[in-house]
Amino acid sequence: MNTGGKILWQEMQKRGIGPAGPLLGICLAGPFFGTQLDPNDYIFRWSIPIET
């Protein structure tokens, strides 16, 4: 989990929100980067169901 995922998790804990399922991370990278990618070059999108 990168920094963005950690921040999301900390905000949920601070607000008293619990997960209703797993945290899903989608990593996007352009098609011409090759196989040697620095994790800081990824674009992450996070999705997590929350308890209501």
C-alpha atoms as a PDB file:
ATOM      1  CA  MET A   1       0.000   0.000   0.000  1.00  0.00           C
ATOM      2  CA  ASN A   2       1.448   3.354  -0.972  1.00  0.00           C
ATOM      3  CA  THR A   3       1.126   6.655   0.870  1.00  0.00           C
ATOM      4  CA  GLY A   4      -2.324   7.403  -0.593  1.00  0.00           C
ATOM      5  CA  GLY A   5      -3.747   4.127   0.688  1.00  0.00           C
ATOM      6  CA  LYS A   6      -2.269   4.726   4.130  1.00  0.00           C
ATOM      7  CA  ILE A   7      -3.772   8.217   4.264  1.00  0.00           C
ATOM      8  CA  LEU A   8      -7.176   6.830   3.255  1.00  0.00           C
ATOM      9  CA  TRP A   9      -6.980   4.190   5.984  1.00  0.00           C
ATOM     10  CA  GLN A  10      -5.932   6.752   8.626  1.00  0.00           C
ATOM     11  CA  GLU A  11      -8.796   9.076   7.668  1.00  0.00           C
ATOM     12  CA  MET A  12     -11.278   6.216   7.974  1.00  0.00           C
ATOM     13  CA  GLN A  13      -9.970   5.362  11.431  1.00  0.00           C
ATOM     14  CA  LYS A  14     -10.055   9.022  12.504  1.00  0.00           C
ATOM     15  CA  ARG A  15     -13.706   9.321  11.407  1.00  0.00           C
ATOM     16  CA  GLY A  16     -14.725   6.012  12.971  1.00  0.00           C
ATOM     17  CA  ILE A  17     -15.582   4.461   9.598  1.00  0.00           C
ATOM     18  CA  GLY A  18     -15.012   0.757   9.201  1.00  0.00           C
ATOM     19  CA  PRO A  19     -14.529  -1.245   6.025  1.00  0.00           C
ATOM     20  CA  ALA A  20     -17.344  -3.491   4.822  1.00  0.00           C
ATOM     21  CA  GLY A  21     -14.958  -5.323   2.496  1.00  0.00           C
ATOM     22  CA  PRO A  22     -11.398  -5.326   1.216  1.00  0.00           C
ATOM     23  CA  LEU A  23      -9.474  -2.244   0.110  1.00  0.00           C
ATOM     24  CA  LEU A  24      -9.021  -2.424  -3.652  1.00  0.00           C
ATOM     25  CA  GLY A  25      -6.109  -0.619  -5.255  1.00  0.00           C
ATOM     26  CA  ILE A  26      -5.936  -0.046  -8.995  1.00  0.00           C
ATOM     27  CA  CYS A  27      -2.512   0.800 -10.344  1.00  0.00           C
ATOM     28  CA  LEU A  28      -2.263   2.552 -13.686  1.00  0.00           C
ATOM     29  CA  ALA A  29       0.892   2.884 -15.767  1.00  0.00           C
ATOM     30  CA  GLY A  30       1.366   3.931 -19.369  1.00  0.00           C
ATOM     31  CA  PRO A  31       2.003   1.235 -21.996  1.00  0.00           C
ATOM     32  CA  PHE A  32       5.512   2.435 -22.861  1.00  0.00           C
ATOM     33  CA  PHE A  33       7.146   2.384 -19.415  1.00  0.00           C
ATOM     34  CA  GLY A  34       8.595  -1.117 -19.715  1.00  0.00           C
ATOM     35  CA  THR A  35       8.986  -3.476 -16.782  1.00  0.00           C
ATOM     36  CA  GLN A  36      11.330  -1.451 -14.530  1.00  0.00           C
ATOM     37  CA  LEU A  37       8.814   0.866 -12.879  1.00  0.00           C
ATOM     38  CA  ASP A  38       9.432   2.996  -9.825  1.00  0.00           C
ATOM     39  CA  PRO A  39       6.365   2.626  -7.526  1.00  0.00           C
ATOM     40  CA  ASN A  40       6.297   6.420  -7.181  1.00  0.00           C
ATOM     41  CA  ASP A  41       5.543   6.657 -10.919  1.00  0.00           C
ATOM     42  CA  TYR A  42       2.295   4.705 -10.640  1.00  0.00           C
ATOM     43  CA  ILE A  43      -1.110   6.328 -10.543  1.00  0.00           C
ATOM     44  CA  PHE A  44      -3.244   4.715  -7.849  1.00  0.00           C
ATOM     45  CA  ARG A  45      -6.995   4.741  -7.430  1.00  0.00           C
ATOM     46  CA  TRP A  46      -8.479   3.360  -4.239  1.00  0.00           C
ATOM     47  CA  SER A  47     -11.886   1.843  -3.664  1.00  0.00           C
ATOM     48  CA  ILE A  48     -13.231   0.545  -0.378  1.00  0.00           C
ATOM     49  CA  PRO A  49     -16.773  -0.289   0.687  1.00  0.00           C
ATOM     50  CA  ILE A  50     -17.644   1.301   4.021  1.00  0.00           C
ATOM     51  CA  GLU A  51     -20.080   0.358   6.762  1.00  0.00           C
ATOM     52  CA  THR A  52     -23.289   2.364   6.813  1.00  0.00           C
END
